[in-house]
Structure formats: structure tokens, C-alpha cells
Amino acid sequence: MNDQSKLIIGISSRALFNLDESHEIYEKEGLDSYRDYQIANEDKTLDPGEAFSLVKKILSINSFYKDKERIEVILLSRNTSDTGLRIRNSIEAHGLNISRAAFCGGESPHRYVKDFGVHLFLSSSFEDVKLAIESNVAAATIISRDGKNNTQSNDDQLKIAFDGDAVIFSDDSEKVFHEEGLDAFIENEVMATSPLKEGPFKSFLVELNKIQNDFDANECPIRTALVTARSAPSDKRVIKTLREWGVRIDESLFLGGMSKQHFLKSFEADIFFDDQKKHIMDAIKTTASGHVPYGIKNK
């Protein structure tokens, strides 16, 4: 099986593990102190980070495939291989099947996402995520939560929720809303005859769909939800666009501006992707979330 038939996720060290303590040393005392600290503690296993349980669930989907690895996770780190040895040891200690890695010695690893064939890049670095999106790779900044009041689903099914405009779709419609208001936005959506243009996460959604299509709907290990501020009548263009793309979304929530937090909690999302920071800051009270720095709201 070649890598082209895999879903490939790239993840940074700080998204995968809790590196807050060592990062604080780096910021306050500099690189040499950070290096010394990591080497002195390289046999001390790191605690899970924000995206750890997501990665564990994603990798567990491989157990449904008898003779092939359908999903791969690759570590993309700003560490050197020297300071990264603690991360490699922690990956082994937690039993994560992650064998490929790029340790970039302080430089952004975004330049290797294309070379590795990454479909989704998750990082705690806004700069690295922005650069990845500019390279046409779906990417999100994993936002830290205080206290990790997390309601991820306890079953094995992976649940991923997406905002619509400027995430799955382009921000063309959002520009109309931003520049001309709600009435102009609704008129534009009702009058439009063409499908919405694709956004940064369309290609990742398509890859997820390929895996979903390997299973009967009631036995699928992945469930997706569209959670959008849109409501009728602007929902019709979304439905027709997904139909045109041949993409399946399991649940579609058209909230008409209501807060997304409680709906994400009820869906039991393992992760939620949105382009607006205010929606993310609301969602992270209950749900691991990734900010997608794309579109008019992030100019």
C-alpha cells in the first residue's frame, strides 16, 4: 500500500504533549537551559497534550484494516533531534504508532508538510499553521484549555466537527456578510446558482470521506458534523454544494447565530475546527478545538 492511499496527519510536539513547563524554561532562560532541561528529563514521560486523545483515536482506526495502515501520524517539531529524544521516548511510552518525524532545530516544519503528503497539520504555533494553510494544506492552531474540562466521547468512534464558511467552504459568502450585512448575505446565497468554492479543509474532509466509505454507515468509526451559524434559507446552498462534491456529512446543525458550545458537547466532538477565534474560545470550555487562520475574519 503506497502513501497516496493513506490519510496523513502531521502534529507538533506541543499539540501532542504537554510541554508547558519546558516551554516556559525556553522563554525565560533561553535555548541552552531548555536543552539541558529536556536532556536531564528525557526518560520522564510527558503528559498528554490537547490533541493526544484525538491522535490516539485516529491511530486506532488502523485496527479495522487487517493488512494495511490506512492512517499515519507524523511528528513535525521545532525541536532538534537531541531535545526531541524526550518526545520520541514519550511516544513509545504511550504506545503511539508514530515512526516518521522531522526535527527542524527551531525552524518551522511547515515546509515538509507537502513532502510528507500531510492532509491535516495540527500545531500550537499560529505562525506554522498560517504558513501551512498558505501552502494549501488544511491546518489549525490547537488552543490550550485551562483545567481541560473536556467532554470528548468515551466510545471508540472519532467525532470531528467543522464550521462551514472559511473552513470547509471559501470565505466568499462571509465577505459579503462582513462587508454588506446579513440581508445582503441572505440575498446572495438565495440567488446564487453555483456551488460554494472550496475552503482549506475540503481536501481533508474528502480524505475522511474515503475512509467512511469503507464502512457501512452504522458501523463507521468516524462521524462528522457541520456546525454553522447559517440558517434557512442560506442552508440550501451548503446542502447543494456538499451534494455536488459527493461529500457526506453525518450531521448538519444550522444554528442561526446560536452559541456552538452546547451543541458540540451534545455531539461529543473530539475536535472542532472554526475560523473565528471567538467561537473557539467559547467551544474550548468543553471541546478540544483548532483555530483555522483563514479568510476575512483573520485579516
C-alpha atoms as a PDB file:
ATOM      1  CA  MET A   1       0.000   0.000   0.000  1.00  0.00           C
ATOM      2  CA  ASN A   2       1.579   3.321  -1.007  1.00  0.00           C
ATOM      3  CA  ASP A   3       1.405   6.534   0.983  1.00  0.00           C
ATOM      4  CA  GLN A   4      -1.014   8.063  -1.527  1.00  0.00           C
ATOM      5  CA  SER A   5      -3.765   5.820  -0.168  1.00  0.00           C
ATOM      6  CA  LYS A   6      -3.190   6.897   3.430  1.00  0.00           C
ATOM      7  CA  LEU A   7      -4.754   9.681   5.439  1.00  0.00           C
ATOM      8  CA  ILE A   8      -1.730  11.510   6.846  1.00  0.00           C
ATOM      9  CA  ILE A   9      -1.861  13.788   9.900  1.00  0.00           C
ATOM     10  CA  GLY A  10       1.076  15.996  10.873  1.00  0.00           C
ATOM     11  CA  ILE A  11       1.299  17.079  14.501  1.00  0.00           C
ATOM     12  CA  SER A  12       3.650  19.283  16.510  1.00  0.00           C
ATOM     13  CA  SER A  13       5.259  18.243  19.807  1.00  0.00           C
ATOM     14  CA  ARG A  14       3.305  20.803  21.848  1.00  0.00           C
ATOM     15  CA  ALA A  15      -0.040  19.769  20.365  1.00  0.00           C
ATOM     16  CA  LEU A  16       0.670  16.109  21.136  1.00  0.00           C
ATOM     17  CA  PHE A  17       2.205  16.515  24.616  1.00  0.00           C
ATOM     18  CA  ASN A  18       2.013  18.981  27.490  1.00  0.00           C
ATOM     19  CA  LEU A  19       5.285  20.893  27.105  1.00  0.00           C
ATOM     20  CA  ASP A  20       4.165  23.977  29.053  1.00  0.00           C
ATOM     21  CA  GLU A  21       6.857  23.605  31.736  1.00  0.00           C
ATOM     22  CA  SER A  22       9.764  23.177  29.329  1.00  0.00           C
ATOM     23  CA  HIS A  23       8.415  25.898  27.005  1.00  0.00           C
ATOM     24  CA  GLU A  24       8.355  28.308  29.952  1.00  0.00           C
ATOM     25  CA  ILE A  25      12.017  27.493  30.626  1.00  0.00           C
ATOM     26  CA  TYR A  26      12.787  28.170  26.958  1.00  0.00           C
ATOM     27  CA  GLU A  27      11.016  31.558  27.033  1.00  0.00           C
ATOM     28  CA  LYS A  28      12.500  32.694  30.368  1.00  0.00           C
ATOM     29  CA  GLU A  29      16.007  31.200  30.303  1.00  0.00           C
ATOM     30  CA  GLY A  30      16.754  30.537  26.636  1.00  0.00           C
ATOM     31  CA  LEU A  31      17.651  27.647  24.370  1.00  0.00           C
ATOM     32  CA  ASP A  32      20.615  26.252  26.328  1.00  0.00           C
ATOM     33  CA  SER A  33      18.573  25.925  29.540  1.00  0.00           C
ATOM     34  CA  TYR A  34      15.738  24.330  27.586  1.00  0.00           C
ATOM     35  CA  ARG A  35      18.126  21.828  26.011  1.00  0.00           C
ATOM     36  CA  ASP A  36      19.689  20.947  29.372  1.00  0.00           C
ATOM     37  CA  TYR A  37      16.255  20.510  30.947  1.00  0.00           C
ATOM     38  CA  GLN A  38      14.961  18.231  28.184  1.00  0.00           C
ATOM     39  CA  ILE A  39      18.078  16.052  28.219  1.00  0.00           C
ATOM     40  CA  ALA A  40      18.025  15.799  32.035  1.00  0.00           C
ATOM     41  CA  ASN A  41      14.372  14.714  31.872  1.00  0.00           C
ATOM     42  CA  GLU A  42      14.403  12.674  28.666  1.00  0.00           C
ATOM     43  CA  ASP A  43      13.372   9.488  30.483  1.00  0.00           C
ATOM     44  CA  LYS A  44      10.482  11.272  32.199  1.00  0.00           C
ATOM     45  CA  THR A  45       7.341  10.612  30.126  1.00  0.00           C
ATOM     46  CA  LEU A  46       5.440  13.720  29.039  1.00  0.00           C
ATOM     47  CA  ASP A  47       1.752  14.075  29.899  1.00  0.00           C
ATOM     48  CA  PRO A  48      -0.795  14.113  27.048  1.00  0.00           C
ATOM     49  CA  GLY A  49      -1.414  17.444  25.308  1.00  0.00           C
ATOM     50  CA  GLU A  50      -4.559  18.914  23.774  1.00  0.00           C
ATOM     51  CA  ALA A  51      -4.541  16.710  20.664  1.00  0.00           C
ATOM     52  CA  PHE A  52      -3.274  13.498  22.302  1.00  0.00           C
ATOM     53  CA  SER A  53      -6.609  11.676  22.638  1.00  0.00           C
ATOM     54  CA  LEU A  54      -7.555  12.740  19.097  1.00  0.00           C
ATOM     55  CA  VAL A  55      -4.322  11.193  17.767  1.00  0.00           C
ATOM     56  CA  LYS A  56      -4.904   8.020  19.786  1.00  0.00           C
ATOM     57  CA  LYS A  57      -8.416   7.655  18.330  1.00  0.00           C
ATOM     58  CA  ILE A  58      -7.231   8.376  14.786  1.00  0.00           C
ATOM     59  CA  LEU A  59      -4.495   5.740  15.013  1.00  0.00           C
ATOM     60  CA  SER A  60      -6.908   3.175  16.492  1.00  0.00           C
ATOM     61  CA  ILE A  61      -8.869   3.204  13.208  1.00  0.00           C
ATOM     62  CA  ASN A  62      -5.993   1.213  11.684  1.00  0.00           C
ATOM     63  CA  SER A  63      -7.174  -1.788  13.714  1.00  0.00           C
ATOM     64  CA  PHE A  64     -10.161  -2.064  11.324  1.00  0.00           C
ATOM     65  CA  TYR A  65      -7.768  -2.752   8.431  1.00  0.00           C
ATOM     66  CA  LYS A  66      -6.172  -6.187   8.602  1.00  0.00           C
ATOM     67  CA  ASP A  67      -3.318  -5.893   6.142  1.00  0.00           C
ATOM     68  CA  LYS A  68      -2.569  -2.183   5.827  1.00  0.00           C
ATOM     69  CA  GLU A  69      -2.041   1.099   7.661  1.00  0.00           C
ATOM     70  CA  ARG A  70      -4.856   3.345   6.474  1.00  0.00           C
ATOM     71  CA  ILE A  71      -3.873   6.332   8.658  1.00  0.00           C
ATOM     72  CA  GLU A  72      -0.455   7.667   9.598  1.00  0.00           C
ATOM     73  CA  VAL A  73       0.537  10.357  12.101  1.00  0.00           C
ATOM     74  CA  ILE A  74       3.856  12.159  11.588  1.00  0.00           C
ATOM     75  CA  LEU A  75       5.627  14.300  14.209  1.00  0.00           C
ATOM     76  CA  LEU A  76       6.632  17.725  12.863  1.00  0.00           C
ATOM     77  CA  SER A  77       8.668  19.516  15.516  1.00  0.00           C
ATOM     78  CA  ARG A  78      10.733  22.675  16.005  1.00  0.00           C
ATOM     79  CA  ASN A  79      12.972  20.706  18.394  1.00  0.00           C
ATOM     80  CA  THR A  80      16.355  19.315  17.416  1.00  0.00           C
ATOM     81  CA  SER A  81      16.697  15.526  17.391  1.00  0.00           C
ATOM     82  CA  ASP A  82      18.697  15.982  20.613  1.00  0.00           C
ATOM     83  CA  THR A  83      15.991  17.838  22.567  1.00  0.00           C
ATOM     84  CA  GLY A  84      13.368  15.781  20.744  1.00  0.00           C
ATOM     85  CA  LEU A  85      14.548  12.497  22.226  1.00  0.00           C
ATOM     86  CA  ARG A  86      12.245  13.054  25.231  1.00  0.00           C
ATOM     87  CA  ILE A  87       9.320  13.400  22.813  1.00  0.00           C
ATOM     88  CA  ARG A  88      10.319  10.212  20.979  1.00  0.00           C
ATOM     89  CA  ASN A  89      10.609   8.367  24.328  1.00  0.00           C
ATOM     90  CA  SER A  90       7.170   9.674  25.367  1.00  0.00           C
ATOM     91  CA  ILE A  91       5.626   8.490  22.083  1.00  0.00           C
ATOM     92  CA  GLU A  92       6.961   4.985  22.817  1.00  0.00           C
ATOM     93  CA  ALA A  93       5.901   5.090  26.474  1.00  0.00           C
ATOM     94  CA  HIS A  94       2.326   6.000  25.481  1.00  0.00           C
ATOM     95  CA  GLY A  95       2.270   3.255  22.842  1.00  0.00           C
ATOM     96  CA  LEU A  96       1.604   5.574  19.900  1.00  0.00           C
ATOM     97  CA  ASN A  97       2.441   4.181  16.466  1.00  0.00           C
ATOM     98  CA  ILE A  98       4.351   7.215  15.184  1.00  0.00           C
ATOM     99  CA  SER A  99       7.535   6.322  13.330  1.00  0.00           C
ATOM    100  CA  ARG A 100       8.215   9.269  11.000  1.00  0.00           C
ATOM    101  CA  ALA A 101       9.374  12.637  12.294  1.00  0.00           C
ATOM    102  CA  ALA A 102      11.011  15.904  11.269  1.00  0.00           C
ATOM    103  CA  PHE A 103      13.033  17.744  13.933  1.00  0.00           C
ATOM    104  CA  CYS A 104      13.664  21.191  12.476  1.00  0.00           C
ATOM    105  CA  GLY A 105      16.000  22.829  15.026  1.00  0.00           C
ATOM    106  CA  GLY A 106      13.991  25.991  15.647  1.00  0.00           C
ATOM    107  CA  GLU A 107      12.766  26.414  12.073  1.00  0.00           C
ATOM    108  CA  SER A 108       9.138  25.985  11.039  1.00  0.00           C
ATOM    109  CA  PRO A 109       8.352  22.401   9.978  1.00  0.00           C
ATOM    110  CA  HIS A 110       5.610  23.622   7.614  1.00  0.00           C
ATOM    111  CA  ARG A 111       7.972  23.273   4.606  1.00  0.00           C
ATOM    112  CA  TYR A 112       7.882  19.486   4.987  1.00  0.00           C
ATOM    113  CA  VAL A 113       4.093  19.044   5.145  1.00  0.00           C
ATOM    114  CA  LYS A 114       3.850  18.701   1.354  1.00  0.00           C
ATOM    115  CA  ASP A 115       6.832  16.334   1.170  1.00  0.00           C
ATOM    116  CA  PHE A 116       5.230  14.016   3.722  1.00  0.00           C
ATOM    117  CA  GLY A 117       1.868  14.253   1.906  1.00  0.00           C
ATOM    118  CA  VAL A 118       0.148  15.662   5.004  1.00  0.00           C
ATOM    119  CA  HIS A 119      -3.642  16.172   4.723  1.00  0.00           C
ATOM    120  CA  LEU A 120      -4.045  17.894   8.114  1.00  0.00           C
ATOM    121  CA  PHE A 121      -1.442  19.737  10.199  1.00  0.00           C
ATOM    122  CA  LEU A 122      -2.121  20.452  13.890  1.00  0.00           C
ATOM    123  CA  SER A 123       0.206  22.714  15.846  1.00  0.00           C
ATOM    124  CA  SER A 124       0.268  25.087  18.807  1.00  0.00           C
ATOM    125  CA  SER A 125       2.168  27.588  16.621  1.00  0.00           C
ATOM    126  CA  PHE A 126      -0.085  30.104  14.851  1.00  0.00           C
ATOM    127  CA  GLU A 127       2.792  31.044  12.535  1.00  0.00           C
ATOM    128  CA  ASP A 128       3.432  27.440  11.424  1.00  0.00           C
ATOM    129  CA  VAL A 129      -0.290  26.829  10.844  1.00  0.00           C
ATOM    130  CA  LYS A 130      -0.659  30.025   8.799  1.00  0.00           C
ATOM    131  CA  LEU A 131       2.290  29.000   6.624  1.00  0.00           C
ATOM    132  CA  ALA A 132       0.821  25.524   6.096  1.00  0.00           C
ATOM    133  CA  ILE A 133      -2.545  26.972   5.004  1.00  0.00           C
ATOM    134  CA  GLU A 134      -0.704  29.254   2.563  1.00  0.00           C
ATOM    135  CA  SER A 135       0.790  26.032   1.140  1.00  0.00           C
ATOM    136  CA  ASN A 136      -2.785  24.729   0.592  1.00  0.00           C
ATOM    137  CA  VAL A 137      -2.700  22.216   3.440  1.00  0.00           C
ATOM    138  CA  ALA A 138      -5.562  22.022   5.953  1.00  0.00           C
ATOM    139  CA  ALA A 139      -4.144  23.250   9.260  1.00  0.00           C
ATOM    140  CA  ALA A 140      -5.314  24.502  12.645  1.00  0.00           C
ATOM    141  CA  THR A 141      -3.813  26.020  15.766  1.00  0.00           C
ATOM    142  CA  ILE A 142      -4.658  23.838  18.758  1.00  0.00           C
ATOM    143  CA  ILE A 143      -5.828  26.157  21.546  1.00  0.00           C
ATOM    144  CA  SER A 144      -4.933  25.304  25.158  1.00  0.00           C
ATOM    145  CA  ARG A 145      -7.716  24.919  27.686  1.00  0.00           C
ATOM    146  CA  ASP A 146      -7.478  25.804  31.377  1.00  0.00           C
ATOM    147  CA  GLY A 147      -8.400  22.831  33.521  1.00  0.00           C
ATOM    148  CA  LYS A 148      -9.203  20.713  30.426  1.00  0.00           C
ATOM    149  CA  ASN A 149     -12.918  20.450  31.209  1.00  0.00           C
ATOM    150  CA  ASN A 150     -13.223  18.028  28.341  1.00  0.00           C
ATOM    151  CA  THR A 151     -16.273  16.055  27.234  1.00  0.00           C
ATOM    152  CA  GLN A 152     -14.748  14.023  24.413  1.00  0.00           C
ATOM    153  CA  SER A 153     -16.755  10.925  23.645  1.00  0.00           C
ATOM    154  CA  ASN A 154     -15.722   7.873  25.624  1.00  0.00           C
ATOM    155  CA  ASP A 155     -16.535   5.395  22.873  1.00  0.00           C
ATOM    156  CA  ASP A 156     -14.099   4.486  20.089  1.00  0.00           C
ATOM    157  CA  GLN A 157     -15.873   6.481  17.386  1.00  0.00           C
ATOM    158  CA  LEU A 158     -13.900   9.517  16.224  1.00  0.00           C
ATOM    159  CA  LYS A 159     -16.146  12.598  16.084  1.00  0.00           C
ATOM    160  CA  ILE A 160     -14.998  15.677  14.165  1.00  0.00           C
ATOM    161  CA  ALA A 161     -16.998  18.915  13.873  1.00  0.00           C
ATOM    162  CA  PHE A 162     -16.391  21.653  11.312  1.00  0.00           C
ATOM    163  CA  ASP A 163     -17.592  25.202  10.831  1.00  0.00           C
ATOM    164  CA  GLY A 164     -18.664  25.903   7.245  1.00  0.00           C
ATOM    165  CA  ASP A 165     -17.590  29.237   5.752  1.00  0.00           C
ATOM    166  CA  ALA A 166     -13.798  29.821   5.698  1.00  0.00           C
ATOM    167  CA  VAL A 167     -13.205  26.226   6.881  1.00  0.00           C
ATOM    168  CA  ILE A 168     -14.901  23.669   4.577  1.00  0.00           C
ATOM    169  CA  PHE A 169     -16.012  26.383   2.141  1.00  0.00           C
ATOM    170  CA  SER A 170     -14.259  29.555   0.952  1.00  0.00           C
ATOM    171  CA  ASP A 171     -14.860  32.868   2.705  1.00  0.00           C
ATOM    172  CA  ASP A 172     -16.608  34.459  -0.323  1.00  0.00           C
ATOM    173  CA  SER A 173     -20.016  34.421   1.379  1.00  0.00           C
ATOM    174  CA  GLU A 174     -18.538  35.536   4.683  1.00  0.00           C
ATOM    175  CA  LYS A 175     -17.011  38.534   2.873  1.00  0.00           C
ATOM    176  CA  VAL A 176     -20.490  39.581   1.707  1.00  0.00           C
ATOM    177  CA  PHE A 177     -21.814  39.283   5.280  1.00  0.00           C
ATOM    178  CA  HIS A 178     -18.774  41.156   6.680  1.00  0.00           C
ATOM    179  CA  GLU A 179     -18.908  43.992   4.133  1.00  0.00           C
ATOM    180  CA  GLU A 180     -22.646  44.360   3.371  1.00  0.00           C
ATOM    181  CA  GLY A 181     -24.548  42.778   6.284  1.00  0.00           C
ATOM    182  CA  LEU A 182     -26.975  39.915   6.867  1.00  0.00           C
ATOM    183  CA  ASP A 183     -29.663  40.891   4.334  1.00  0.00           C
ATOM    184  CA  ALA A 184     -27.112  41.111   1.515  1.00  0.00           C
ATOM    185  CA  PHE A 185     -25.614  37.768   2.601  1.00  0.00           C
ATOM    186  CA  ILE A 186     -29.012  36.008   2.524  1.00  0.00           C
ATOM    187  CA  GLU A 187     -29.897  37.542  -0.847  1.00  0.00           C
ATOM    188  CA  ASN A 188     -26.530  36.446  -2.257  1.00  0.00           C
ATOM    189  CA  GLU A 189     -26.999  32.860  -1.043  1.00  0.00           C
ATOM    190  CA  VAL A 190     -30.591  32.546  -2.266  1.00  0.00           C
ATOM    191  CA  MET A 191     -29.777  33.993  -5.706  1.00  0.00           C
ATOM    192  CA  ALA A 192     -26.534  32.000  -6.194  1.00  0.00           C
ATOM    193  CA  THR A 193     -26.807  29.079  -8.615  1.00  0.00           C
ATOM    194  CA  SER A 194     -23.203  27.847  -8.347  1.00  0.00           C
ATOM    195  CA  PRO A 195     -21.803  25.668  -5.531  1.00  0.00           C
ATOM    196  CA  LEU A 196     -19.705  27.320  -2.830  1.00  0.00           C
ATOM    197  CA  LYS A 197     -15.984  27.393  -3.582  1.00  0.00           C
ATOM    198  CA  GLU A 198     -13.766  25.081  -1.573  1.00  0.00           C
ATOM    199  CA  GLY A 199     -12.086  26.205   1.645  1.00  0.00           C
ATOM    200  CA  PRO A 200      -8.871  24.981   3.296  1.00  0.00           C
ATOM    201  CA  PHE A 201     -10.498  21.887   4.864  1.00  0.00           C
ATOM    202  CA  LYS A 202     -12.342  20.491   1.843  1.00  0.00           C
ATOM    203  CA  SER A 203      -9.476  18.173   0.865  1.00  0.00           C
ATOM    204  CA  PHE A 204      -9.203  16.791   4.423  1.00  0.00           C
ATOM    205  CA  LEU A 205     -12.958  16.208   4.527  1.00  0.00           C
ATOM    206  CA  VAL A 206     -12.732  14.326   1.215  1.00  0.00           C
ATOM    207  CA  GLU A 207      -9.975  12.085   2.642  1.00  0.00           C
ATOM    208  CA  LEU A 208     -12.074  11.392   5.763  1.00  0.00           C
ATOM    209  CA  ASN A 209     -14.969  10.515   3.477  1.00  0.00           C
ATOM    210  CA  LYS A 210     -12.852   7.919   1.661  1.00  0.00           C
ATOM    211  CA  ILE A 211     -12.342   6.108   4.974  1.00  0.00           C
ATOM    212  CA  GLN A 212     -16.033   6.460   5.886  1.00  0.00           C
ATOM    213  CA  ASN A 213     -16.940   4.866   2.556  1.00  0.00           C
ATOM    214  CA  ASP A 214     -15.005   1.729   3.572  1.00  0.00           C
ATOM    215  CA  PHE A 215     -17.687   1.029   6.211  1.00  0.00           C
ATOM    216  CA  ASP A 216     -21.435   0.614   6.496  1.00  0.00           C
ATOM    217  CA  ALA A 217     -22.901   3.856   7.874  1.00  0.00           C
ATOM    218  CA  ASN A 218     -23.971   2.290  11.186  1.00  0.00           C
ATOM    219  CA  GLU A 219     -20.530   0.717  11.748  1.00  0.00           C
ATOM    220  CA  CYS A 220     -18.288   3.605  10.712  1.00  0.00           C
ATOM    221  CA  PRO A 221     -15.523   4.573  13.205  1.00  0.00           C
ATOM    222  CA  ILE A 222     -15.687   8.224  12.070  1.00  0.00           C
ATOM    223  CA  ARG A 223     -18.641  10.600  12.447  1.00  0.00           C
ATOM    224  CA  THR A 224     -18.639  14.174  11.143  1.00  0.00           C
ATOM    225  CA  ALA A 225     -20.761  17.231  11.856  1.00  0.00           C
ATOM    226  CA  LEU A 226     -21.159  20.628  10.218  1.00  0.00           C
ATOM    227  CA  VAL A 227     -21.818  23.191  12.958  1.00  0.00           C
ATOM    228  CA  THR A 228     -22.537  26.542  11.334  1.00  0.00           C
ATOM    229  CA  ALA A 229     -24.071  29.903  12.181  1.00  0.00           C
ATOM    230  CA  ARG A 230     -26.025  29.714   8.909  1.00  0.00           C
ATOM    231  CA  SER A 231     -29.775  29.078   8.973  1.00  0.00           C
ATOM    232  CA  ALA A 232     -32.591  28.869   6.422  1.00  0.00           C
ATOM    233  CA  PRO A 233     -32.652  29.935   3.635  1.00  0.00           C
ATOM    234  CA  SER A 234     -28.816  30.115   3.365  1.00  0.00           C
ATOM    235  CA  ASP A 235     -28.572  26.423   4.326  1.00  0.00           C
ATOM    236  CA  LYS A 236     -29.747  25.255   0.875  1.00  0.00           C
ATOM    237  CA  ARG A 237     -26.550  26.325  -0.906  1.00  0.00           C
ATOM    238  CA  VAL A 238     -24.467  24.377   1.652  1.00  0.00           C
ATOM    239  CA  ILE A 239     -26.533  21.211   1.124  1.00  0.00           C
ATOM    240  CA  LYS A 240     -26.307  21.503  -2.665  1.00  0.00           C
ATOM    241  CA  THR A 241     -22.544  22.149  -2.524  1.00  0.00           C
ATOM    242  CA  LEU A 242     -21.844  19.032  -0.453  1.00  0.00           C
ATOM    243  CA  ARG A 243     -24.047  17.040  -2.825  1.00  0.00           C
ATOM    244  CA  GLU A 244     -22.113  18.435  -5.810  1.00  0.00           C
ATOM    245  CA  TRP A 245     -18.811  17.447  -4.175  1.00  0.00           C
ATOM    246  CA  GLY A 246     -20.114  13.953  -3.374  1.00  0.00           C
ATOM    247  CA  VAL A 247     -19.169  14.504   0.268  1.00  0.00           C
ATOM    248  CA  ARG A 248     -21.099  13.027   3.176  1.00  0.00           C
ATOM    249  CA  ILE A 249     -21.560  14.958   6.421  1.00  0.00           C
ATOM    250  CA  ASP A 250     -23.309  12.832   9.044  1.00  0.00           C
ATOM    251  CA  GLU A 251     -24.926  15.689  10.986  1.00  0.00           C
ATOM    252  CA  SER A 252     -25.594  19.293   9.910  1.00  0.00           C
ATOM    253  CA  LEU A 253     -26.504  21.880  12.541  1.00  0.00           C
ATOM    254  CA  PHE A 254     -27.708  25.228  11.175  1.00  0.00           C
ATOM    255  CA  LEU A 255     -27.740  27.358  14.325  1.00  0.00           C
ATOM    256  CA  GLY A 256     -28.680  30.817  13.064  1.00  0.00           C
ATOM    257  CA  GLY A 257     -26.088  32.523  15.264  1.00  0.00           C
ATOM    258  CA  MET A 258     -26.647  30.493  18.469  1.00  0.00           C
ATOM    259  CA  SER A 259     -23.605  29.551  20.570  1.00  0.00           C
ATOM    260  CA  LYS A 260     -21.990  26.340  19.317  1.00  0.00           C
ATOM    261  CA  GLN A 261     -20.619  25.180  22.678  1.00  0.00           C
ATOM    262  CA  HIS A 262     -23.573  23.123  23.951  1.00  0.00           C
ATOM    263  CA  PHE A 263     -24.206  21.542  20.561  1.00  0.00           C
ATOM    264  CA  LEU A 264     -20.561  20.421  20.353  1.00  0.00           C
ATOM    265  CA  LYS A 265     -20.845  18.975  23.850  1.00  0.00           C
ATOM    266  CA  SER A 266     -24.011  17.061  22.900  1.00  0.00           C
ATOM    267  CA  PHE A 267     -22.358  15.786  19.693  1.00  0.00           C
ATOM    268  CA  GLU A 268     -19.380  14.738  21.886  1.00  0.00           C
ATOM    269  CA  ALA A 269     -16.891  16.169  19.394  1.00  0.00           C
ATOM    270  CA  ASP A 270     -13.286  15.031  19.776  1.00  0.00           C
ATOM    271  CA  ILE A 271     -12.251  18.213  17.987  1.00  0.00           C
ATOM    272  CA  PHE A 272     -13.922  21.274  16.429  1.00  0.00           C
ATOM    273  CA  PHE A 273     -12.479  23.478  13.673  1.00  0.00           C
ATOM    274  CA  ASP A 274     -13.574  27.130  13.233  1.00  0.00           C
ATOM    275  CA  ASP A 275     -12.078  30.224  11.602  1.00  0.00           C
ATOM    276  CA  GLN A 276     -13.357  32.647  14.265  1.00  0.00           C
ATOM    277  CA  LYS A 277     -11.366  32.913  17.498  1.00  0.00           C
ATOM    278  CA  LYS A 278     -14.448  33.987  19.497  1.00  0.00           C
ATOM    279  CA  HIS A 279     -16.242  30.729  18.588  1.00  0.00           C
ATOM    280  CA  ILE A 280     -13.141  28.732  19.518  1.00  0.00           C
ATOM    281  CA  MET A 281     -12.794  30.432  22.916  1.00  0.00           C
ATOM    282  CA  ASP A 282     -16.447  29.559  23.591  1.00  0.00           C
ATOM    283  CA  ALA A 283     -16.067  25.962  22.388  1.00  0.00           C
ATOM    284  CA  ILE A 284     -12.886  25.085  24.314  1.00  0.00           C
ATOM    285  CA  LYS A 285     -14.801  25.186  27.600  1.00  0.00           C
ATOM    286  CA  THR A 286     -15.989  21.680  26.683  1.00  0.00           C
ATOM    287  CA  THR A 287     -14.313  20.629  23.435  1.00  0.00           C
ATOM    288  CA  ALA A 288     -10.754  20.431  22.099  1.00  0.00           C
ATOM    289  CA  SER A 289     -10.668  22.998  19.292  1.00  0.00           C
ATOM    290  CA  GLY A 290      -8.485  24.178  16.435  1.00  0.00           C
ATOM    291  CA  HIS A 291      -8.439  27.731  15.086  1.00  0.00           C
ATOM    292  CA  VAL A 292      -8.213  27.919  11.287  1.00  0.00           C
ATOM    293  CA  PRO A 293      -6.458  31.240  10.489  1.00  0.00           C
ATOM    294  CA  TYR A 294      -8.065  31.733   7.094  1.00  0.00           C
ATOM    295  CA  GLY A 295     -10.471  34.175   5.479  1.00  0.00           C
ATOM    296  CA  ILE A 296     -11.834  37.685   6.042  1.00  0.00           C
ATOM    297  CA  LYS A 297     -12.228  37.304   9.822  1.00  0.00           C
ATOM    298  CA  ASN A 298      -8.477  36.701  10.166  1.00  0.00           C
ATOM    299  CA  LYS A 299      -7.225  39.613   8.045  1.00  0.00           C
END
